[in-house]
Amino acid sequence: MEDAKSDALVAANLSGNLDELLCIEYPANVQNVDKAMAMLGGEKSVARAHYSSTSLALSFRPDDVFCVPATSQKEKVAGLVMKVKRKRKKGNSGWERCETEIVGVVGSKYVFTGMADFQVLSPFSGAYRPDGKISCLLYVCYLTVDCVAVLHDGSLMNDSLPAFLPPNHFTKRDRPLEYSYQTQAHPFRLPADMGGKRILPPKAPSPLMSVEYMDPTVPSAPAVDITDEIRTEHLYFGPLDELFGECPVWTKSALASEVKVTYPTFRNSMPLVSYYFTNGPWKMAFIRFGYDPRKRKDAKIYQMFELRAPRNIDLKSVPHQKDNARSFRSATLTHSDARDVVYSHHYHSNVLPTARTTYYRLCDIKNDEMQQIIHSNDGNEVSCTEEDGWCQAGTYEKLRTMFNDFMLAKAKELNAVIT
């Protein structure tokens, strides 16, 4: 019975025109409403912020021009303000009766979620000194209507007037946030006066041994002793050791086609059988320990060539070719006979590469015209250079020109997009 009366009372209140109210979650225990409104700037400031949908500021010292206010953001809510009267009968029966009245509807509220810890305390007790002069330059801008004219006058500057101009903002964020300090988590750029180059964070050290072209010697053994336990843990150590015994220089794709697995599968075994050059003609190639290609003329066929597809050819627009170069991983999924697959470590002029940048050994280039250029100085090799290795000077430029001509002709034949 009582529930029915309450529902009827609520329905009667909702049927009328209710006032729309604004809620402010005040970040303090309000005991004096007038002082609380003064800290918000008065009713005009609250109304201005409400109707213009701007942030509402709260100054803990409204009479102090140096006070840094706390700001709040306006949020949409759906709530009611209710007035509840509770009446208790005389005696100790404990029975009580409540009367409710809906005062208004709350459609939005201001919430102070930011910190107000950054405050400036003025060294002056007020705007004026005991002699009647203004205490600091900030009060000139605050109290004077035409402060620009006063500043241009210059008389205040001659009076040794302290400026005391605090910064407008003390922090970029006024909310606490999680922050894990790292010395250099992401790449950054140096200032323009220092070159403006992009600095990358240092890479983790690799167990694979590396040398530069100008280093006098090459590693003759791995950094760790190869024991029977290591041979057992690294399943591909045996096959890789046999391959490097047959050929001293290999590429990733060539090894993958021989081992019949992808490179990440046997990557951990590579530091036990090979090293690599960071620059020079054999860059990006794995070389057997103790083998120095700079001292062997027959190492010319193992030099690396970086094939860069022209930017005006859209490789994604090339239609699928049955005999196109493909990675060994995709080949093993569709072909049982590996001899029928043209592996990606071989270059054929009648197909286009599948990647924008590809590395080939000179012996893996299956083109007679290019092989004639490579072997044009056979028997007459004089010295090994960092640019062309044991090849004749200018060999790489000639090969790159022929590569571009072959790829453009094949792209036109396949109706690829050329810009």
Foldseek 3Di string as FASTA:
>chain_A
DVVVVVVVQVVVQVVDDADEDEAEPDPDDDDDVVVQCVQQVHPVQVVVCVVVQHWTWGFPDNQDPQTDTFIWHKDFDWDWDKDKDKADDPDDPRDIDIDMHTRHIYGMYTDRQFDRPDTDDDPDPDQADPVGHGQALVVLVVPPPCSVVVVVVCPVVVVVHHHPDDDPDDDPGRHDDDDDDDPDPAWDFDDVVVPRDIDGDDDDDDQAAEDEPPDPDFAQFFPDDDDPVNCVVQVCLVVVQVVCVVPFKAAQQRVCLVVVHHNVNRVVNLSGAFHAYCAFQGHRITGGHPDDLQPPLVCLQQGKAKAAADPQFDLVQQDDDPQAEDGSVVVVVPDPDSVVHDHQQADDLLHDHNDRIDMHGNNRYPDPVLVCQSCVCVPPQDGADRPNGSGDPPSNVVVNVVSRVSVVVNCVVRVTGGD
